[in-house]
C-alpha atoms as a PDB file:
ATOM      1  CA  MET A   1       8.103   3.908 -18.960  1.00  0.00           C
ATOM      2  CA  ALA A   2       4.946   3.554 -21.055  1.00  0.00           C
ATOM      3  CA  ARG A   3       2.421   0.961 -20.076  1.00  0.00           C
ATOM      4  CA  THR A   4       2.449  -2.105 -22.297  1.00  0.00           C
ATOM      5  CA  ARG A   5      -0.356  -4.277 -23.510  1.00  0.00           C
ATOM      6  CA  GLY A   6      -1.790  -6.393 -20.670  1.00  0.00           C
ATOM      7  CA  SER A   7       0.296  -4.687 -18.025  1.00  0.00           C
ATOM      8  CA  TRP A   8      -2.703  -3.251 -16.145  1.00  0.00           C
ATOM      9  CA  THR A   9      -4.018  -6.555 -14.923  1.00  0.00           C
ATOM     10  CA  GLY A  10      -0.742  -8.454 -15.352  1.00  0.00           C
ATOM     11  CA  GLY A  11      -2.574 -11.156 -17.224  1.00  0.00           C
ATOM     12  CA  ALA A  12      -4.426 -12.225 -14.104  1.00  0.00           C
ATOM     13  CA  LEU A  13      -7.917 -12.129 -15.560  1.00  0.00           C
ATOM     14  CA  THR A  14      -9.532 -14.985 -17.369  1.00  0.00           C
ATOM     15  CA  VAL A  15     -13.001 -15.720 -18.755  1.00  0.00           C
ATOM     16  CA  GLY A  16     -13.867 -17.573 -15.484  1.00  0.00           C
ATOM     17  CA  SER A  17     -12.884 -14.516 -13.510  1.00  0.00           C
ATOM     18  CA  VAL A  18     -16.147 -12.820 -14.416  1.00  0.00           C
ATOM     19  CA  LEU A  19     -17.942 -15.116 -11.941  1.00  0.00           C
ATOM     20  CA  LYS A  20     -15.590 -13.821  -9.185  1.00  0.00           C
ATOM     21  CA  PRO A  21     -16.078 -10.066  -8.856  1.00  0.00           C
ATOM     22  CA  GLN A  22     -13.624  -9.852  -6.052  1.00  0.00           C
ATOM     23  CA  ASP A  23     -10.890 -11.287  -8.296  1.00  0.00           C
ATOM     24  CA  VAL A  24     -11.786  -8.834 -11.057  1.00  0.00           C
ATOM     25  CA  ALA A  25     -11.668  -5.950  -8.526  1.00  0.00           C
ATOM     26  CA  ARG A  26      -8.258  -7.022  -7.247  1.00  0.00           C
ATOM     27  CA  ALA A  27      -6.848  -7.020 -10.775  1.00  0.00           C
ATOM     28  CA  VAL A  28      -8.557  -3.848 -11.973  1.00  0.00           C
ATOM     29  CA  PHE A  29      -8.119  -1.636  -8.857  1.00  0.00           C
ATOM     30  CA  HIS A  30      -4.669  -2.815  -7.910  1.00  0.00           C
ATOM     31  CA  PRO A  31      -2.998  -2.913 -11.337  1.00  0.00           C
ATOM     32  CA  ALA A  32       0.313  -4.626 -12.036  1.00  0.00           C
ATOM     33  CA  TRP A  33       2.023  -1.204 -12.532  1.00  0.00           C
ATOM     34  CA  ILE A  34       1.600  -0.338  -8.772  1.00  0.00           C
ATOM     35  CA  PRO A  35       4.954  -0.934  -7.042  1.00  0.00           C
ATOM     36  CA  GLN A  36       5.234  -3.761  -4.438  1.00  0.00           C
ATOM     37  CA  PRO A  37       5.403  -2.699  -0.796  1.00  0.00           C
ATOM     38  CA  LEU A  38       8.911  -2.114   0.540  1.00  0.00           C
ATOM     39  CA  ASP A  39       8.436  -3.191   4.081  1.00  0.00           C
ATOM     40  CA  PRO A  40       5.936  -5.498   5.894  1.00  0.00           C
ATOM     41  CA  SER A  41       5.688  -3.033   8.759  1.00  0.00           C
ATOM     42  CA  VAL A  42       4.724  -0.239   6.342  1.00  0.00           C
ATOM     43  CA  GLU A  43       2.159  -2.556   4.762  1.00  0.00           C
ATOM     44  CA  ARG A  44       0.618  -3.210   8.218  1.00  0.00           C
ATOM     45  CA  LEU A  45       0.388   0.515   8.893  1.00  0.00           C
ATOM     46  CA  LYS A  46      -1.414   0.865   5.537  1.00  0.00           C
ATOM     47  CA  LYS A  47      -4.034  -1.622   6.617  1.00  0.00           C
ATOM     48  CA  PHE A  48      -4.719   0.327   9.829  1.00  0.00           C
ATOM     49  CA  ARG A  49      -4.886   3.565   7.751  1.00  0.00           C
ATOM     50  CA  VAL A  50      -7.484   1.961   5.439  1.00  0.00           C
ATOM     51  CA  ILE A  51      -9.648   0.905   8.383  1.00  0.00           C
ATOM     52  CA  ALA A  52      -9.465   4.389   9.894  1.00  0.00           C
ATOM     53  CA  GLY A  53     -10.218   5.935   6.538  1.00  0.00           C
ATOM     54  CA  ALA A  54     -13.286   3.718   6.162  1.00  0.00           C
ATOM     55  CA  VAL A  55     -14.568   4.886   9.555  1.00  0.00           C
ATOM     56  CA  ALA A  56     -14.043   8.462   8.414  1.00  0.00           C
ATOM     57  CA  SER A  57     -15.827   7.944   5.122  1.00  0.00           C
ATOM     58  CA  LEU A  58     -18.810   5.966   6.424  1.00  0.00           C
ATOM     59  CA  GLY A  59     -19.102   7.720   9.761  1.00  0.00           C
ATOM     60  CA  VAL A  60     -19.948   5.620  12.852  1.00  0.00           C
ATOM     61  CA  TYR A  61     -22.622   8.132  13.664  1.00  0.00           C
ATOM     62  CA  THR A  62     -24.594   6.964  10.621  1.00  0.00           C
ATOM     63  CA  PHE A  63     -25.329   3.715  12.394  1.00  0.00           C
ATOM     64  CA  ILE A  64     -25.968   5.361  15.753  1.00  0.00           C
ATOM     65  CA  GLU A  65     -28.453   7.900  14.487  1.00  0.00           C
ATOM     66  CA  GLY A  66     -30.848   5.080  13.659  1.00  0.00           C
ATOM     67  CA  GLY A  67     -31.158   2.801  10.668  1.00  0.00           C
ATOM     68  CA  PHE A  68     -28.813   1.973   7.810  1.00  0.00           C
ATOM     69  CA  ASP A  69     -29.887   3.490   4.481  1.00  0.00           C
ATOM     70  CA  PHE A  70     -27.997   1.729   1.671  1.00  0.00           C
ATOM     71  CA  THR A  71     -29.124   4.259  -0.969  1.00  0.00           C
ATOM     72  CA  GLU A  72     -28.066   7.108   1.224  1.00  0.00           C
ATOM     73  CA  LEU A  73     -24.677   5.378   1.800  1.00  0.00           C
ATOM     74  CA  LEU A  74     -24.163   5.139  -1.970  1.00  0.00           C
ATOM     75  CA  GLU A  75     -25.140   8.721  -2.469  1.00  0.00           C
ATOM     76  CA  ASN A  76     -22.589   9.763   0.161  1.00  0.00           C
ATOM     77  CA  ALA A  77     -19.984   7.582  -1.528  1.00  0.00           C
ATOM     78  CA  MET A  78     -20.809   9.207  -4.832  1.00  0.00           C
ATOM     79  CA  THR A  79     -20.375  12.660  -3.310  1.00  0.00           C
ATOM     80  CA  ALA A  80     -17.099  11.657  -1.757  1.00  0.00           C
ATOM     81  CA  SER A  81     -15.929  10.230  -5.127  1.00  0.00           C
ATOM     82  CA  VAL A  82     -16.672  13.446  -6.942  1.00  0.00           C
ATOM     83  CA  VAL A  83     -14.814  15.392  -4.249  1.00  0.00           C
ATOM     84  CA  LEU A  84     -11.898  13.029  -4.657  1.00  0.00           C
ATOM     85  CA  LEU A  85     -12.028  13.669  -8.397  1.00  0.00           C
ATOM     86  CA  PHE A  86     -11.083  17.265  -7.676  1.00  0.00           C
ATOM     87  CA  LEU A  87      -9.144  16.941  -4.441  1.00  0.00           C
ATOM     88  CA  THR A  88      -6.646  14.311  -5.648  1.00  0.00           C
ATOM     89  CA  PRO A  89      -5.386  16.215  -8.735  1.00  0.00           C
ATOM     90  CA  LEU A  90      -5.278  19.393  -6.633  1.00  0.00           C
ATOM     91  CA  THR A  91      -3.087  17.783  -3.902  1.00  0.00           C
ATOM     92  CA  VAL A  92      -0.861  16.125  -6.529  1.00  0.00           C
ATOM     93  CA  GLY A  93      -0.624  19.473  -8.419  1.00  0.00           C
ATOM     94  CA  ALA A  94       0.558  21.120  -5.161  1.00  0.00           C
ATOM     95  CA  MET A  95       3.214  18.477  -4.734  1.00  0.00           C
ATOM     96  CA  LEU A  96       4.383  18.990  -8.334  1.00  0.00           C
ATOM     97  CA  TRP A  97       4.893  22.581  -7.514  1.00  0.00           C
ATOM     98  CA  VAL A  98       6.940  21.577  -4.440  1.00  0.00           C
ATOM     99  CA  TRP A  99       9.029  19.172  -6.605  1.00  0.00           C
ATOM    100  CA  ARG A 100       9.582  21.695  -9.434  1.00  0.00           C
ATOM    101  CA  ARG A 101      13.265  22.250  -8.658  1.00  0.00           C
ATOM    102  CA  GLY A 102      14.128  18.584  -8.527  1.00  0.00           C
ATOM    103  CA  GLY A 103      12.614  17.444 -11.777  1.00  0.00           C
ATOM    104  CA  THR A 104       9.914  17.952 -14.416  1.00  0.00           C
ATOM    105  CA  VAL A 105       6.293  16.820 -14.735  1.00  0.00           C
ATOM    106  CA  ARG A 106       7.207  15.080 -18.003  1.00  0.00           C
ATOM    107  CA  GLN A 107       9.214  12.565 -16.045  1.00  0.00           C
ATOM    108  CA  LEU A 108       6.081  11.603 -14.131  1.00  0.00           C
ATOM    109  CA  ARG A 109       3.535  11.769 -16.942  1.00  0.00           C
ATOM    110  CA  VAL A 110       2.834   8.025 -17.248  1.00  0.00           C
ATOM    111  CA  PRO A 111       2.238   7.191 -13.593  1.00  0.00           C
ATOM    112  CA  LEU A 112       0.133  10.357 -13.142  1.00  0.00           C
ATOM    113  CA  LEU A 113      -2.090   9.520 -16.138  1.00  0.00           C
ATOM    114  CA  ASN A 114      -2.413   5.954 -14.855  1.00  0.00           C
ATOM    115  CA  SER A 115      -3.492   7.199 -11.401  1.00  0.00           C
ATOM    116  CA  LEU A 116      -5.976   9.585 -13.019  1.00  0.00           C
ATOM    117  CA  LEU A 117      -7.443   6.771 -15.101  1.00  0.00           C
ATOM    118  CA  LEU A 118      -7.820   4.559 -12.016  1.00  0.00           C
ATOM    119  CA  LEU A 119      -9.540   7.433 -10.190  1.00  0.00           C
ATOM    120  CA  LEU A 120     -12.020   8.000 -13.112  1.00  0.00           C
ATOM    121  CA  LEU A 121     -12.685   4.203 -13.340  1.00  0.00           C
ATOM    122  CA  PHE A 122     -13.583   3.991  -9.651  1.00  0.00           C
ATOM    123  CA  VAL A 123     -15.847   7.076  -9.693  1.00  0.00           C
ATOM    124  CA  GLY A 124     -17.599   5.601 -12.769  1.00  0.00           C
ATOM    125  CA  CYS A 125     -18.192   2.308 -10.943  1.00  0.00           C
ATOM    126  CA  VAL A 126     -19.728   4.068  -7.987  1.00  0.00           C
ATOM    127  CA  ALA A 127     -22.036   6.053 -10.350  1.00  0.00           C
ATOM    128  CA  ALA A 128     -22.998   2.936 -12.215  1.00  0.00           C
ATOM    129  CA  LEU A 129     -23.805   1.069  -8.995  1.00  0.00           C
ATOM    130  CA  LEU A 130     -25.948   4.007  -7.795  1.00  0.00           C
ATOM    131  CA  MET A 131     -27.918   4.002 -11.047  1.00  0.00           C
ATOM    132  CA  LEU A 132     -28.527   0.300 -10.793  1.00  0.00           C
ATOM    133  CA  VAL A 133     -29.795   0.632  -7.220  1.00  0.00           C
ATOM    134  CA  GLN A 134     -32.148   3.454  -8.243  1.00  0.00           C
ATOM    135  CA  THR A 135     -33.346   1.431 -11.223  1.00  0.00           C
ATOM    136  CA  VAL A 136     -34.212  -1.610  -8.997  1.00  0.00           C
ATOM    137  CA  ASN A 137     -35.973   0.587  -6.421  1.00  0.00           C
ATOM    138  CA  GLY A 138     -37.991   2.421  -9.000  1.00  0.00           C
ATOM    139  CA  SER A 139     -39.061  -0.466 -11.157  1.00  0.00           C
ATOM    140  CA  ALA A 140     -42.172  -2.649 -10.780  1.00  0.00           C
ATOM    141  CA  ASN A 141     -41.209  -5.098 -13.540  1.00  0.00           C
ATOM    142  CA  ALA A 142     -40.090  -8.448 -12.115  1.00  0.00           C
ATOM    143  CA  ALA A 143     -37.834  -9.238 -15.055  1.00  0.00           C
ATOM    144  CA  VAL A 144     -36.139  -5.862 -14.703  1.00  0.00           C
ATOM    145  CA  ILE A 145     -35.748  -6.309 -10.970  1.00  0.00           C
ATOM    146  CA  ILE A 146     -34.174  -9.779 -11.336  1.00  0.00           C
ATOM    147  CA  GLY A 147     -31.871  -8.939 -14.272  1.00  0.00           C
ATOM    148  CA  VAL A 148     -30.753  -5.566 -12.999  1.00  0.00           C
ATOM    149  CA  GLY A 149     -30.636  -6.890  -9.452  1.00  0.00           C
ATOM    150  CA  LEU A 150     -28.181  -9.615 -10.268  1.00  0.00           C
ATOM    151  CA  THR A 151     -26.009  -7.073 -12.105  1.00  0.00           C
ATOM    152  CA  MET A 152     -26.301  -4.794  -9.092  1.00  0.00           C
ATOM    153  CA  MET A 153     -25.130  -7.501  -6.697  1.00  0.00           C
ATOM    154  CA  TRP A 154     -22.096  -8.195  -8.940  1.00  0.00           C
ATOM    155  CA  MET A 155     -21.229  -4.470  -9.119  1.00  0.00           C
ATOM    156  CA  LEU A 156     -21.749  -4.134  -5.367  1.00  0.00           C
ATOM    157  CA  ILE A 157     -19.113  -6.761  -4.588  1.00  0.00           C
ATOM    158  CA  PHE A 158     -16.840  -5.497  -7.296  1.00  0.00           C
ATOM    159  CA  THR A 159     -17.041  -1.866  -6.097  1.00  0.00           C
ATOM    160  CA  ALA A 160     -16.758  -2.735  -2.426  1.00  0.00           C
ATOM    161  CA  TYR A 161     -13.498  -4.807  -3.009  1.00  0.00           C
ATOM    162  CA  GLY A 162     -12.313  -2.042  -5.347  1.00  0.00           C
ATOM    163  CA  ALA A 163     -12.907   0.587  -2.643  1.00  0.00           C
ATOM    164  CA  VAL A 164     -10.670  -1.361  -0.293  1.00  0.00           C
ATOM    165  CA  ARG A 165      -7.953  -1.681  -2.932  1.00  0.00           C
ATOM    166  CA  VAL A 166      -7.899   2.050  -3.949  1.00  0.00           C
ATOM    167  CA  SER A 167      -8.045   3.091  -0.230  1.00  0.00           C
ATOM    168  CA  GLY A 168      -4.797   1.125   0.290  1.00  0.00           C
ATOM    169  CA  ASN A 169      -2.891   2.307  -2.889  1.00  0.00           C
ATOM    170  CA  PHE A 170      -4.904   5.579  -3.211  1.00  0.00           C
ATOM    171  CA  PHE A 171      -5.446   5.194  -6.967  1.00  0.00           C
ATOM    172  CA  GLY A 172      -1.906   3.968  -7.574  1.00  0.00           C
ATOM    173  CA  THR A 173      -0.265   7.284  -6.592  1.00  0.00           C
ATOM    174  CA  ALA A 174       2.589   5.218  -5.016  1.00  0.00           C
ATOM    175  CA  ALA A 175       3.790   4.720  -8.608  1.00  0.00           C
ATOM    176  CA  THR A 176       4.517   8.403  -8.730  1.00  0.00           C
ATOM    177  CA  HIS A 177       5.814   8.840  -5.151  1.00  0.00           C
ATOM    178  CA  ARG A 178       5.473   6.378  -2.271  1.00  0.00           C
ATOM    179  CA  CYS A 179       4.547   9.131   0.179  1.00  0.00           C
ATOM    180  CA  LEU A 180       1.529  10.286  -1.873  1.00  0.00           C
ATOM    181  CA  PRO A 181      -0.941   7.646  -0.558  1.00  0.00           C
ATOM    182  CA  PRO A 182      -0.532   8.524   3.104  1.00  0.00           C
ATOM    183  CA  LEU A 183      -0.540  12.274   2.239  1.00  0.00           C
ATOM    184  CA  LEU A 184      -3.773  11.965   0.254  1.00  0.00           C
ATOM    185  CA  ALA A 185      -5.301   9.836   2.964  1.00  0.00           C
ATOM    186  CA  MET A 186      -4.681  12.576   5.515  1.00  0.00           C
ATOM    187  CA  VAL A 187      -6.075  15.338   3.291  1.00  0.00           C
ATOM    188  CA  THR A 188      -9.110  13.339   2.467  1.00  0.00           C
ATOM    189  CA  SER A 189     -10.029  12.328   6.004  1.00  0.00           C
ATOM    190  CA  TRP A 190      -9.788  15.873   7.240  1.00  0.00           C
ATOM    191  CA  LEU A 191     -11.799  17.120   4.282  1.00  0.00           C
ATOM    192  CA  VAL A 192     -14.622  14.779   5.343  1.00  0.00           C
ATOM    193  CA  ALA A 193     -14.467  15.958   8.959  1.00  0.00           C
ATOM    194  CA  VAL A 194     -14.034  19.725   8.433  1.00  0.00           C
ATOM    195  CA  PRO A 195     -17.571  20.552   7.176  1.00  0.00           C
ATOM    196  CA  ASP A 196     -19.131  18.982  10.334  1.00  0.00           C
ATOM    197  CA  LEU A 197     -16.663  20.845  12.499  1.00  0.00           C
ATOM    198  CA  VAL A 198     -17.343  24.188  10.762  1.00  0.00           C
ATOM    199  CA  THR A 199     -21.166  23.813  10.808  1.00  0.00           C
ATOM    200  CA  GLY A 200     -21.252  22.274  14.229  1.00  0.00           C
ATOM    201  CA  ASP A 201     -23.374  19.385  12.826  1.00  0.00           C
ATOM    202  CA  LEU A 202     -22.934  16.533  15.258  1.00  0.00           C
ATOM    203  CA  HIS A 203     -25.692  14.429  13.649  1.00  0.00           C
ATOM    204  CA  GLY A 204     -27.761  14.240  16.759  1.00  0.00           C
ATOM    205  CA  LEU A 205     -24.868  13.122  18.984  1.00  0.00           C
ATOM    206  CA  SER A 206     -23.769  14.711  22.227  1.00  0.00           C
ATOM    207  CA  LEU A 207     -20.829  17.074  22.165  1.00  0.00           C
ATOM    208  CA  THR A 208     -18.428  14.398  23.525  1.00  0.00           C
ATOM    209  CA  LEU A 209     -19.543  11.643  21.182  1.00  0.00           C
ATOM    210  CA  GLY A 210     -19.670  14.115  18.194  1.00  0.00           C
ATOM    211  CA  ILE A 211     -16.103  15.169  18.758  1.00  0.00           C
ATOM    212  CA  VAL A 212     -14.891  11.597  19.208  1.00  0.00           C
ATOM    213  CA  PHE A 213     -16.618  10.339  16.055  1.00  0.00           C
ATOM    214  CA  ILE A 214     -15.824  13.292  13.903  1.00  0.00           C
ATOM    215  CA  LEU A 215     -12.225  13.837  14.962  1.00  0.00           C
ATOM    216  CA  GLY A 216     -11.266  10.329  15.911  1.00  0.00           C
ATOM    217  CA  ALA A 217     -10.891   8.964  12.360  1.00  0.00           C
ATOM    218  CA  PRO A 218      -8.891  11.847  10.801  1.00  0.00           C
ATOM    219  CA  VAL A 219      -6.599  12.093  13.832  1.00  0.00           C
ATOM    220  CA  THR A 220      -5.943   8.324  13.652  1.00  0.00           C
ATOM    221  CA  VAL A 221      -5.400   8.477   9.842  1.00  0.00           C
ATOM    222  CA  THR A 222      -3.002  11.413  10.333  1.00  0.00           C
ATOM    223  CA  ALA A 223      -0.967   9.666  13.031  1.00  0.00           C
ATOM    224  CA  ILE A 224      -0.707   6.429  11.014  1.00  0.00           C
ATOM    225  CA  ALA A 225       0.203   8.298   7.758  1.00  0.00           C
ATOM    226  CA  LEU A 226       2.866  10.369   9.491  1.00  0.00           C
ATOM    227  CA  LEU A 227       4.303   7.134  11.025  1.00  0.00           C
ATOM    228  CA  GLU A 228       4.245   5.525   7.596  1.00  0.00           C
ATOM    229  CA  MET A 229       6.041   8.421   5.949  1.00  0.00           C
ATOM    230  CA  GLY A 230       8.560   8.520   8.825  1.00  0.00           C
ATOM    231  CA  ARG A 231       9.476   4.890   8.280  1.00  0.00           C
ATOM    232  CA  LEU A 232       9.840   5.434   4.559  1.00  0.00           C
ATOM    233  CA  LYS A 233      12.271   8.298   5.208  1.00  0.00           C
ATOM    234  CA  ARG A 234      14.277   6.559   7.943  1.00  0.00           C
ATOM    235  CA  ARG A 235      14.585   3.138   6.296  1.00  0.00           C
ATOM    236  CA  TYR A 236      14.668   4.012   2.591  1.00  0.00           C
ATOM    237  CA  GLY A 237      15.496   7.687   2.338  1.00  0.00           C
ATOM    238  CA  ILE A 238      12.149   8.499   0.674  1.00  0.00           C
ATOM    239  CA  ARG A 239      11.191  12.109   1.524  1.00  0.00           C
ATOM    240  CA  LEU A 240       7.874  13.677   0.630  1.00  0.00           C
ATOM    241  CA  LYS A 241       9.489  16.934  -0.501  1.00  0.00           C
ATOM    242  CA  ALA A 242      11.950  15.270  -2.847  1.00  0.00           C
ATOM    243  CA  HIS A 243      11.047  14.886  -6.499  1.00  0.00           C
ATOM    244  CA  PRO A 244      10.788  11.194  -7.347  1.00  0.00           C
ATOM    245  CA  ALA A 245      13.474  11.445 -10.008  1.00  0.00           C
ATOM    246  CA  THR A 246      15.992  12.493  -7.296  1.00  0.00           C
ATOM    247  CA  LEU A 247      15.257   9.530  -5.001  1.00  0.00           C
ATOM    248  CA  THR A 248      17.595   6.489  -5.135  1.00  0.00           C
ATOM    249  CA  PRO A 249      15.500   3.490  -6.120  1.00  0.00           C
ATOM    250  CA  ALA A 250      14.824   1.302  -3.093  1.00  0.00           C
ATOM    251  CA  PRO A 251      15.793  -2.358  -3.442  1.00  0.00           C
ATOM    252  CA  ALA A 252      12.953  -4.451  -4.692  1.00  0.00           C
ATOM    253  CA  PRO A 253      11.593  -6.721  -1.994  1.00  0.00           C
ATOM    254  CA  GLY A 254      12.124 -10.402  -2.529  1.00  0.00           C
ATOM    255  CA  PRO A 255      13.300 -13.641  -1.021  1.00  0.00           C
ATOM    256  CA  VAL A 256      16.791 -14.004   0.177  1.00  0.00           C
ATOM    257  CA  PRO A 257      18.744 -16.069  -2.421  1.00  0.00           C
ATOM    258  CA  PRO A 258      19.795 -19.545  -1.179  1.00  0.00           C
ATOM    259  CA  MET A 259      23.443 -20.161  -0.247  1.00  0.00           C
ATOM    260  CA  PRO A 260      25.317 -21.968  -3.053  1.00  0.00           C
ATOM    261  CA  PRO A 261      25.949 -25.672  -2.361  1.00  0.00           C
ATOM    262  CA  GLY A 262      29.219 -26.529  -0.737  1.00  0.00           C
ATOM    263  CA  MET A 263      29.720 -23.093   0.775  1.00  0.00           C
ATOM    264  CA  PRO A 264      30.392 -23.014   4.569  1.00  0.00           C
ATOM    265  CA  PRO A 265      28.311 -20.859   6.920  1.00  0.00           C
ATOM    266  CA  ALA A 266      29.391 -17.235   7.221  1.00  0.00           C
ATOM    267  CA  GLY A 267      32.011 -16.559   9.805  1.00  0.00           C
ATOM    268  CA  SER A 268      32.962 -20.249  10.350  1.00  0.00           C
ATOM    269  CA  PRO A 269      36.481 -21.502   9.712  1.00  0.00           C
ATOM    270  CA  TYR A 270      36.821 -23.855   6.813  1.00  0.00           C
ATOM    271  CA  LEU A 271      39.312 -26.684   6.507  1.00  0.00           C
ATOM    272  CA  PRO A 272      39.480 -29.149   3.656  1.00  0.00           C
ATOM    273  CA  PRO A 273      38.478 -32.735   4.485  1.00  0.00           C
ATOM    274  CA  GLN A 274      41.274 -34.645   6.268  1.00  0.00           C
ATOM    275  CA  GLY A 275      42.018 -38.372   6.046  1.00  0.00           C
ATOM    276  CA  GLY A 276      38.794 -39.346   4.525  1.00  0.00           C
ATOM    277  CA  ASN A 277      36.714 -37.788   7.261  1.00  0.00           C
ATOM    278  CA  PRO A 278      33.715 -36.245   5.434  1.00  0.00           C
ATOM    279  CA  TYR A 279      33.452 -33.448   8.005  1.00  0.00           C
ATOM    280  CA  GLY A 280      37.077 -32.395   8.060  1.00  0.00           C
ATOM    281  CA  HIS A 281      39.564 -32.869  10.935  1.00  0.00           C
ATOM    282  CA  PRO A 282      38.820 -30.433  13.811  1.00  0.00           C
ATOM    283  CA  TYR A 283      42.470 -29.597  14.299  1.00  0.00           C
ATOM    284  CA  ALA A 284      45.206 -28.224  12.089  1.00  0.00           C
ATOM    285  CA  PRO A 285      47.515 -30.662  10.165  1.00  0.00           C
ATOM    286  CA  GLY A 286      50.191 -32.280  12.300  1.00  0.00           C
ATOM    287  CA  GLY A 287      47.985 -32.717  15.295  1.00  0.00           C
ATOM    288  CA  GLN A 288      48.776 -29.240  16.712  1.00  0.00           C
ATOM    289  CA  HIS A 289      45.701 -27.500  18.112  1.00  0.00           C
ATOM    290  CA  PRO A 290      45.427 -24.027  16.523  1.00  0.00           C
ATOM    291  CA  TYR A 291      44.584 -22.463  19.917  1.00  0.00           C
ATOM    292  CA  ALA A 292      47.212 -24.308  22.031  1.00  0.00           C
ATOM    293  CA  PRO A 293      48.526 -22.252  24.940  1.00  0.00           C
ATOM    294  CA  HIS A 294      52.175 -22.626  23.852  1.00  0.00           C
ATOM    295  CA  PRO A 295      52.374 -23.261  20.127  1.00  0.00           C
ATOM    296  CA  GLN A 296      55.657 -24.448  18.652  1.00  0.00           C
ATOM    297  CA  PRO A 297      57.640 -21.777  16.742  1.00  0.00           C
ATOM    298  CA  PRO A 298      57.076 -22.630  13.062  1.00  0.00           C
ATOM    299  CA  TYR A 299      60.607 -22.085  11.843  1.00  0.00           C
ATOM    300  CA  ASN A 300      63.521 -21.656  14.233  1.00  0.00           C
ATOM    301  CA  PRO A 301      63.102 -23.234  17.654  1.00  0.00           C
ATOM    302  CA  GLN A 302      65.773 -20.862  19.044  1.00  0.00           C
ATOM    303  CA  HIS A 303      64.601 -17.562  20.624  1.00  0.00           C
ATOM    304  CA  PRO A 304      64.599 -14.909  17.897  1.00  0.00           C
ATOM    305  CA  TYR A 305      66.597 -12.533  20.089  1.00  0.00           C
ATOM    306  CA  GLY A 306      69.241 -15.064  21.077  1.00  0.00           C
ATOM    307  CA  GLY A 307      68.110 -15.287  24.677  1.00  0.00           C
END
């Protein structure tokens, strides 16, 4: 279904939202077209996956090596964003080839284009933030430093909150297939770790610490992602290898509807009110207990077999 006017932010943004970059990031980087989570347990797994992914992206060894270089961090984030710009379409393209027998690409055109637009938007924000930081660092004009610096601080909060959002929904790819975000998280985390493993660059750490910090995050992300996909398969029948068009839509999460007034609790016997008693008489009409050990025969008191 094509995106309608205002459906990206869901009408959540106002003029006053400009003063709250975290609210703008929430609306921009988690658009209204991204489907709601199916299960609270899957959502909790997603949060752990995001944390492990952040460890893989930032690298704990960066802080251990000595010093925290903010500019270098942004440059690394920019490099990772450019890699994602090529890696994400490549991974999705591989899955489209796997799904080719179950449906067509045309059926997924709108969510795929939306996800690509969200990816381009995030990469552009990281690039803009890096340019603002370099402008502030390279300028000696006080007016430029103050003006650009304020914009830089707004963009920093906006991009940081946006990074958390896109790490959770992985650029809205759940709108195409709910198993794509954990799959892409696995591929990305290993892509970050593989160069260090191949080159043997432990960033000044010992062999043990290097292996722990380099492999710890991708292994954790993989374990959580597999558990997430396993729950989606067991509870909702969502399989990674199945084309989204062949999957039965899962029930939309929502509150349980209230019981209509006047209805008795499920599984409880119901008797109409007796003799003005607002709660009904506890026994059957005529004073005979329904579970009496020797109930009276309802029709003929004589034994039915003439005994």
